Every structure is written in C-alpha cells, then in structure tokens.
PDB file of N, CA and C in Angstrom:
ATOM      1  N   MET A   1      44.198 -32.368  -8.960  1.00  0.00           N
ATOM      2  CA  MET A   1      44.456 -31.385  -7.610  1.00  0.00           C
ATOM      3  C   MET A   1      44.351 -32.216  -6.464  1.00  0.00           C
ATOM      4  N   ASP A   2      45.329 -31.801  -5.545  1.00  0.00           N
ATOM      5  CA  ASP A   2      45.220 -32.410  -4.311  1.00  0.00           C
ATOM      6  C   ASP A   2      44.017 -32.000  -3.280  1.00  0.00           C
ATOM      7  N   PRO A   3      43.770 -32.667  -2.502  1.00  0.00           N
ATOM      8  CA  PRO A   3      42.730 -32.443  -1.480  1.00  0.00           C
ATOM      9  C   PRO A   3      42.793 -30.974  -0.681  1.00  0.00           C
ATOM     10  N   ALA A   4      44.258 -30.844  -0.491  1.00  0.00           N
ATOM     11  CA  ALA A   4      44.315 -29.051   0.170  1.00  0.00           C
ATOM     12  C   ALA A   4      44.107 -28.240  -0.790  1.00  0.00           C
ATOM     13  N   GLY A   5      44.362 -28.430  -2.359  1.00  0.00           N
ATOM     14  CA  GLY A   5      43.850 -27.349  -3.165  1.00  0.00           C
ATOM     15  C   GLY A   5      42.679 -27.296  -3.232  1.00  0.00           C
ATOM     16  N   VAL A   6      41.958 -28.293  -3.368  1.00  0.00           N
ATOM     17  CA  VAL A   6      40.516 -28.375  -3.254  1.00  0.00           C
ATOM     18  C   VAL A   6      39.703 -27.549  -2.183  1.00  0.00           C
ATOM     19  N   LEU A   7      40.204 -27.768  -1.128  1.00  0.00           N
ATOM     20  CA  LEU A   7      39.880 -27.133   0.020  1.00  0.00           C
ATOM     21  C   LEU A   7      40.048 -25.456  -0.029  1.00  0.00           C
ATOM     22  N   LEU A   8      41.236 -25.147  -0.407  1.00  0.00           N
ATOM     23  CA  LEU A   8      41.608 -23.777  -0.796  1.00  0.00           C
ATOM     24  C   LEU A   8      40.610 -23.263  -1.852  1.00  0.00           C
ATOM     25  N   ALA A   9      40.337 -23.715  -3.086  1.00  0.00           N
ATOM     26  CA  ALA A   9      39.409 -23.462  -3.923  1.00  0.00           C
ATOM     27  C   ALA A   9      38.221 -23.123  -3.352  1.00  0.00           C
ATOM     28  N   ILE A  10      37.516 -23.942  -2.651  1.00  0.00           N
ATOM     29  CA  ILE A  10      36.349 -23.833  -2.201  1.00  0.00           C
ATOM     30  C   ILE A  10      36.145 -22.889  -1.049  1.00  0.00           C
ATOM     31  N   GLU A  11      37.311 -22.567  -0.250  1.00  0.00           N
ATOM     32  CA  GLU A  11      37.290 -21.595   0.759  1.00  0.00           C
ATOM     33  C   GLU A  11      37.277 -20.199  -0.127  1.00  0.00           C
ATOM     34  N   GLU A  12      38.031 -20.174  -1.087  1.00  0.00           N
ATOM     35  CA  GLU A  12      38.093 -18.846  -1.733  1.00  0.00           C
ATOM     36  C   GLU A  12      36.840 -18.558  -2.519  1.00  0.00           C
ATOM     37  N   ARG A  13      36.115 -19.551  -3.053  1.00  0.00           N
ATOM     38  CA  ARG A  13      34.889 -19.436  -3.988  1.00  0.00           C
ATOM     39  C   ARG A  13      33.987 -18.957  -2.594  1.00  0.00           C
ATOM     40  N   LYS A  14      34.099 -19.400  -1.499  1.00  0.00           N
ATOM     41  CA  LYS A  14      33.236 -19.116  -0.534  1.00  0.00           C
ATOM     42  C   LYS A  14      33.349 -17.473  -0.107  1.00  0.00           C
ATOM     43  N   LYS A  15      34.543 -17.343   0.074  1.00  0.00           N
ATOM     44  CA  LYS A  15      34.888 -15.624   0.309  1.00  0.00           C
ATOM     45  C   LYS A  15      34.524 -14.795  -0.537  1.00  0.00           C
ATOM     46  N   TRP A  16      34.642 -15.146  -1.923  1.00  0.00           N
ATOM     47  CA  TRP A  16      34.207 -14.142  -3.273  1.00  0.00           C
ATOM     48  C   TRP A  16      32.753 -13.988  -3.091  1.00  0.00           C
ATOM     49  N   ARG A  17      31.829 -15.368  -2.945  1.00  0.00           N
ATOM     50  CA  ARG A  17      30.358 -15.094  -2.892  1.00  0.00           C
ATOM     51  C   ARG A  17      30.049 -14.441  -1.703  1.00  0.00           C
ATOM     52  N   GLU A  18      30.632 -14.381  -0.526  1.00  0.00           N
ATOM     53  CA  GLU A  18      30.325 -13.607   0.385  1.00  0.00           C
ATOM     54  C   GLU A  18      30.724 -12.121   0.386  1.00  0.00           C
ATOM     55  N   ARG A  19      31.979 -11.809  -0.344  1.00  0.00           N
ATOM     56  CA  ARG A  19      32.091 -10.334  -0.690  1.00  0.00           C
ATOM     57  C   ARG A  19      31.239 -10.085  -1.730  1.00  0.00           C
ATOM     58  N   ARG A  20      30.784 -10.755  -2.591  1.00  0.00           N
ATOM     59  CA  ARG A  20      29.517 -10.306  -3.769  1.00  0.00           C
ATOM     60  C   ARG A  20      28.354  -9.862  -3.013  1.00  0.00           C
ATOM     61  N   ASP A  21      27.818 -10.805  -1.884  1.00  0.00           N
ATOM     62  CA  ASP A  21      26.898 -10.647  -1.269  1.00  0.00           C
ATOM     63  C   ASP A  21      26.615  -9.286  -0.165  1.00  0.00           C
ATOM     64  N   ARG A  22      28.204  -8.919  -0.004  1.00  0.00           N
ATOM     65  CA  ARG A  22      28.274  -7.695   0.959  1.00  0.00           C
ATOM     66  C   ARG A  22      27.897  -6.607  -0.104  1.00  0.00           C
ATOM     67  N   ILE A  23      28.648  -6.690  -1.248  1.00  0.00           N
ATOM     68  CA  ILE A  23      28.459  -5.476  -2.177  1.00  0.00           C
ATOM     69  C   ILE A  23      27.313  -5.392  -2.742  1.00  0.00           C
ATOM     70  N   ARG A  24      26.500  -6.401  -3.069  1.00  0.00           N
ATOM     71  CA  ARG A  24      25.143  -6.391  -3.617  1.00  0.00           C
ATOM     72  C   ARG A  24      24.168  -5.694  -2.476  1.00  0.00           C
ATOM     73  N   GLU A  25      24.493  -6.094  -1.112  1.00  0.00           N
ATOM     74  CA  GLU A  25      23.616  -5.426  -0.043  1.00  0.00           C
ATOM     75  C   GLU A  25      23.942  -3.886  -0.012  1.00  0.00           C
ATOM     76  N   ARG A  26      25.125  -3.716  -0.311  1.00  0.00           N
ATOM     77  CA  ARG A  26      25.708  -2.314   0.111  1.00  0.00           C
ATOM     78  C   ARG A  26      25.000  -1.408  -1.392  1.00  0.00           C
ATOM     79  N   ILE A  27      24.899  -1.765  -2.460  1.00  0.00           N
ATOM     80  CA  ILE A  27      24.579  -1.409  -3.396  1.00  0.00           C
ATOM     81  C   ILE A  27      22.832  -0.903  -3.069  1.00  0.00           C
ATOM     82  N   ARG A  28      22.323  -2.076  -2.550  1.00  0.00           N
ATOM     83  CA  ARG A  28      20.639  -1.982  -2.415  1.00  0.00           C
ATOM     84  C   ARG A  28      20.537  -0.772  -1.529  1.00  0.00           C
ATOM     85  N   GLN A  29      21.426  -0.681  -0.579  1.00  0.00           N
ATOM     86  CA  GLN A  29      21.300   0.360   0.773  1.00  0.00           C
ATOM     87  C   GLN A  29      21.484   1.772   0.000  1.00  0.00           C
ATOM     88  N   LEU A  30      22.505   1.908  -0.782  1.00  0.00           N
ATOM     89  CA  LEU A  30      22.538   3.057  -1.371  1.00  0.00           C
ATOM     90  C   LEU A  30      21.526   3.380  -2.521  1.00  0.00           C
ATOM     91  N   GLU A  31      20.928   2.591  -3.204  1.00  0.00           N
ATOM     92  CA  GLU A  31      19.677   2.753  -4.199  1.00  0.00           C
ATOM     93  C   GLU A  31      18.712   3.236  -3.251  1.00  0.00           C
ATOM     94  N   ARG A  32      18.414   2.538  -2.203  1.00  0.00           N
ATOM     95  CA  ARG A  32      17.271   3.150  -1.224  1.00  0.00           C
ATOM     96  C   ARG A  32      17.591   4.609  -0.677  1.00  0.00           C
ATOM     97  N   ARG A  33      18.929   4.668  -0.447  1.00  0.00           N
ATOM     98  CA  ARG A  33      18.955   6.028   0.124  1.00  0.00           C
ATOM     99  C   ARG A  33      18.791   7.134  -0.870  1.00  0.00           C
ATOM    100  N   LYS A  34      19.396   6.410  -2.109  1.00  0.00           N
ATOM    101  CA  LYS A  34      19.205   7.632  -3.381  1.00  0.00           C
ATOM    102  C   LYS A  34      17.838   8.119  -3.450  1.00  0.00           C
ATOM    103  N   ALA A  35      16.921   6.925  -3.526  1.00  0.00           N
ATOM    104  CA  ALA A  35      15.498   7.182  -3.879  1.00  0.00           C
ATOM    105  C   ALA A  35      14.983   8.011  -2.716  1.00  0.00           C
ATOM    106  N   TYR A  36      15.261   8.017  -1.507  1.00  0.00           N
ATOM    107  CA  TYR A  36      14.896   8.688  -0.330  1.00  0.00           C
ATOM    108  C   TYR A  36      15.258  10.062  -0.631  1.00  0.00           C
ATOM    109  N   LEU A  37      16.795  10.103  -1.025  1.00  0.00           N
ATOM    110  CA  LEU A  37      16.946  11.854  -1.067  1.00  0.00           C
ATOM    111  C   LEU A  37      16.449  12.515  -2.471  1.00  0.00           C
ATOM    112  N   GLN A  38      16.174  11.629  -3.294  1.00  0.00           N
ATOM    113  CA  GLN A  38      15.411  12.100  -4.526  1.00  0.00           C
ATOM    114  C   GLN A  38      14.014  12.903  -4.145  1.00  0.00           C
ATOM    115  N   ARG A  39      13.225  11.668  -3.235  1.00  0.00           N
ATOM    116  CA  ARG A  39      11.752  12.112  -2.827  1.00  0.00           C
ATOM    117  C   ARG A  39      12.065  13.366  -1.934  1.00  0.00           C
ATOM    118  N   GLU A  40      13.137  13.603  -1.185  1.00  0.00           N
ATOM    119  CA  GLU A  40      13.264  14.679  -0.302  1.00  0.00           C
ATOM    120  C   GLU A  40      13.592  15.941  -1.155  1.00  0.00           C
ATOM    121  N   LEU A  41      14.259  15.846  -2.134  1.00  0.00           N
ATOM    122  CA  LEU A  41      14.847  17.076  -3.197  1.00  0.00           C
ATOM    123  C   LEU A  41      13.473  17.461  -3.694  1.00  0.00           C
ATOM    124  N   THR A  42      12.432  16.622  -4.127  1.00  0.00           N
ATOM    125  CA  THR A  42      11.556  16.877  -4.943  1.00  0.00           C
ATOM    126  C   THR A  42      10.556  17.829  -4.093  1.00  0.00           C
ATOM    127  N   ARG A  43      10.446  17.260  -2.775  1.00  0.00           N
ATOM    128  CA  ARG A  43       9.806  17.961  -1.653  1.00  0.00           C
ATOM    129  C   ARG A  43      10.109  19.375  -1.462  1.00  0.00           C
ATOM    130  N   VAL A  44      11.605  19.569  -1.266  1.00  0.00           N
ATOM    131  CA  VAL A  44      12.329  20.908  -1.213  1.00  0.00           C
ATOM    132  C   VAL A  44      12.219  21.750  -2.358  1.00  0.00           C
ATOM    133  N   ARG A  45      12.332  21.163  -3.624  1.00  0.00           N
ATOM    134  CA  ARG A  45      12.059  21.994  -4.843  1.00  0.00           C
ATOM    135  C   ARG A  45      10.403  22.527  -4.865  1.00  0.00           C
ATOM    136  N   LYS A  46       9.584  21.780  -4.698  1.00  0.00           N
ATOM    137  CA  LYS A  46       8.226  22.136  -4.385  1.00  0.00           C
ATOM    138  C   LYS A  46       7.911  23.205  -3.470  1.00  0.00           C
ATOM    139  N   LYS A  47       8.892  23.115  -2.129  1.00  0.00           N
ATOM    140  CA  LYS A  47       8.470  24.293  -1.114  1.00  0.00           C
ATOM    141  C   LYS A  47       9.132  25.586  -1.855  1.00  0.00           C
ATOM    142  N   VAL A  48      10.446  25.216  -2.236  1.00  0.00           N
ATOM    143  CA  VAL A  48      11.083  26.624  -2.918  1.00  0.00           C
ATOM    144  C   VAL A  48      10.244  27.201  -3.779  1.00  0.00           C
ATOM    145  N   SER A  49       9.453  26.427  -4.687  1.00  0.00           N
ATOM    146  CA  SER A  49       8.544  26.914  -5.496  1.00  0.00           C
ATOM    147  C   SER A  49       7.415  27.563  -5.117  1.00  0.00           C
ATOM    148  N   GLU A  50       6.781  27.259  -4.039  1.00  0.00           N
ATOM    149  CA  GLU A  50       5.871  27.815  -3.210  1.00  0.00           C
ATOM    150  C   GLU A  50       6.264  29.172  -2.568  1.00  0.00           C
ATOM    151  N   TYR A  51       7.463  29.224  -2.067  1.00  0.00           N
ATOM    152  CA  TYR A  51       8.034  30.159  -1.319  1.00  0.00           C
ATOM    153  C   TYR A  51       8.381  31.292  -2.364  1.00  0.00           C
ATOM    154  N   ASP A  52       8.666  31.098  -3.635  1.00  0.00           N
ATOM    155  CA  ASP A  52       9.054  32.125  -4.418  1.00  0.00           C
ATOM    156  C   ASP A  52       7.866  32.766  -5.042  1.00  0.00           C
ATOM    157  N   GLY A  53       6.650  31.716  -5.002  1.00  0.00           N
ATOM    158  CA  GLY A  53       5.413  32.563  -5.517  1.00  0.00           C
ATOM    159  C   GLY A  53       5.070  33.489  -4.459  1.00  0.00           C
ATOM    160  N   LEU A  54       5.246  33.184  -3.049  1.00  0.00           N
ATOM    161  CA  LEU A  54       4.745  33.990  -1.992  1.00  0.00           C
ATOM    162  C   LEU A  54       5.569  35.214  -2.067  1.00  0.00           C
ATOM    163  N   LEU A  55       6.822  35.179  -2.290  1.00  0.00           N
ATOM    164  CA  LEU A  55       7.758  36.234  -2.095  1.00  0.00           C
ATOM    165  C   LEU A  55       7.449  37.306  -3.302  1.00  0.00           C
ATOM    166  N   ALA A  56       7.076  36.623  -4.441  1.00  0.00           N
ATOM    167  CA  ALA A  56       6.741  37.424  -5.807  1.00  0.00           C
ATOM    168  C   ALA A  56       5.593  38.309  -5.396  1.00  0.00           C
ATOM    169  N   ASN A  57       4.631  37.517  -4.595  1.00  0.00           N
ATOM    170  CA  ASN A  57       3.419  38.276  -4.189  1.00  0.00           C
ATOM    171  C   ASN A  57       3.703  39.400  -3.340  1.00  0.00           C
ATOM    172  N   LEU A  58       4.526  39.118  -2.134  1.00  0.00           N
ATOM    173  CA  LEU A  58       4.827  40.218  -1.333  1.00  0.00           C
ATOM    174  C   LEU A  58       5.467  41.375  -1.878  1.00  0.00           C
ATOM    175  N   LYS A  59       6.427  41.087  -2.881  1.00  0.00           N
ATOM    176  CA  LYS A  59       7.181  42.121  -3.104  1.00  0.00           C
ATOM    177  C   LYS A  59       6.294  42.862  -4.265  1.00  0.00           C
ATOM    178  N   GLY A  60       5.533  42.337  -5.039  1.00  0.00           N
ATOM    179  CA  GLY A  60       4.581  43.102  -5.819  1.00  0.00           C
ATOM    180  C   GLY A  60       3.717  44.026  -4.937  1.00  0.00           C
ATOM    181  N   ALA A  61       3.166  43.714  -3.838  1.00  0.00           N
ATOM    182  CA  ALA A  61       2.188  44.156  -3.021  1.00  0.00           C
ATOM    183  C   ALA A  61       3.188  45.623  -2.379  1.00  0.00           C
ATOM    184  N   LYS A  62       4.461  45.166  -1.860  1.00  0.00           N
ATOM    185  CA  LYS A  62       4.976  46.342  -1.387  1.00  0.00           C
ATOM    186  C   LYS A  62       5.528  47.491  -2.296  1.00  0.00           C
ATOM    187  N   ILE A  63       5.663  46.962  -3.602  1.00  0.00           N
ATOM    188  CA  ILE A  63       6.208  47.778  -4.728  1.00  0.00           C
ATOM    189  C   ILE A  63       4.645  48.989  -4.922  1.00  0.00           C
ATOM    190  N   ASP A  64       3.564  48.202  -5.066  1.00  0.00           N
ATOM    191  CA  ASP A  64       2.400  49.107  -5.141  1.00  0.00           C
ATOM    192  C   ASP A  64       2.325  50.026  -4.304  1.00  0.00           C
ATOM    193  N   GLN A  65       2.396  49.652  -2.962  1.00  0.00           N
ATOM    194  CA  GLN A  65       2.397  50.639  -1.634  1.00  0.00           C
ATOM    195  C   GLN A  65       3.473  51.589  -1.586  1.00  0.00           C
ATOM    196  N   GLN A  66       4.757  51.455  -2.007  1.00  0.00           N
ATOM    197  CA  GLN A  66       5.835  52.556  -2.205  1.00  0.00           C
ATOM    198  C   GLN A  66       5.579  53.377  -3.485  1.00  0.00           C
ATOM    199  N   ARG A  67       4.616  53.040  -4.345  1.00  0.00           N
ATOM    200  CA  ARG A  67       4.681  54.061  -5.774  1.00  0.00           C
ATOM    201  C   ARG A  67       4.094  55.592  -5.113  1.00  0.00           C
ATOM    202  N   PRO A  68       4.774  56.327  -5.346  1.00  0.00           N
ATOM    203  CA  PRO A  68       4.421  57.692  -5.106  1.00  0.00           C
ATOM    204  C   PRO A  68       3.387  58.273  -5.766  1.00  0.00           C
ATOM    205  N   LEU A  69       2.317  59.319  -5.268  1.00  0.00           N
ATOM    206  CA  LEU A  69       1.185  59.660  -6.147  1.00  0.00           C
ATOM    207  C   LEU A  69       1.868  60.691  -6.890  1.00  0.00           C
ATOM    208  N   PRO A  70       1.327  60.874  -8.179  1.00  0.00           N
ATOM    209  CA  PRO A  70       1.627  62.106  -9.043  1.00  0.00           C
ATOM    210  C   PRO A  70       1.221  63.351  -8.470  1.00  0.00           C
ATOM    211  N   PRO A  71       1.973  64.443  -8.332  1.00  0.00           N
ATOM    212  CA  PRO A  71       1.372  65.717  -7.962  1.00  0.00           C
ATOM    213  C   PRO A  71       0.076  66.249  -8.603  1.00  0.00           C
ATOM    214  N   ALA A  72      -0.534  65.784  -9.502  1.00  0.00           N
ATOM    215  CA  ALA A  72      -1.943  65.954  -9.906  1.00  0.00           C
ATOM    216  C   ALA A  72      -2.941  65.411  -9.211  1.00  0.00           C
ATOM    217  N   ALA A  73      -2.637  64.396  -8.414  1.00  0.00           N
ATOM    218  CA  ALA A  73      -3.409  63.589  -7.650  1.00  0.00           C
ATOM    219  C   ALA A  73      -3.466  64.067  -6.375  1.00  0.00           C
ATOM    220  N   LEU A  74      -2.553  64.817  -5.807  1.00  0.00           N
ATOM    221  CA  LEU A  74      -2.627  65.569  -4.577  1.00  0.00           C
ATOM    222  C   LEU A  74      -3.457  66.716  -4.356  1.00  0.00           C
ATOM    223  N   ARG A  75      -4.131  67.188  -5.385  1.00  0.00           N
ATOM    224  CA  ARG A  75      -4.574  68.417  -5.520  1.00  0.00           C
ATOM    225  C   ARG A  75      -6.060  68.247  -5.186  1.00  0.00           C
TER     226      ARG A  75
END
C-alpha cells in the first residue's frame, strides 16, 4: 500500500471512531432522558391514583347527600 493510501485509511478510521463516539454519547443522552421521563411518568401515575381516590370519595359523599328521604321518614 502506498503512503497516500495509508494516510487515507488512517483518516477514515479516525472519522469512523469519532462517529462511533458521537453515536455512543447520543445513546447515553437518550438513555438518561428515558430514565428521567420514566421517573416523571411514575410520579404522574401516582398523582393520578391519589386524585382518583379523592374524586371517588367526593362522588360518594355527594351521592349520599343527594339521596332523597323516603316518605315514611318525613312524617
């Protein structure tokens, strides 16, 4: 192989290593973002569950208050 070919091969190898490193860094960034979003989703699901419980309690209380008295109880 001539010297120009060797230099070209070295440059190509350097280019591909840099590209591989950029791709790996981007994958690490995306994995960190995914972990953050999963934690956020867990927090939101927990809040939804809490609010569903509160809402169910409020609906139950409202239904009890709106229940009409039977005619026998009015006398």
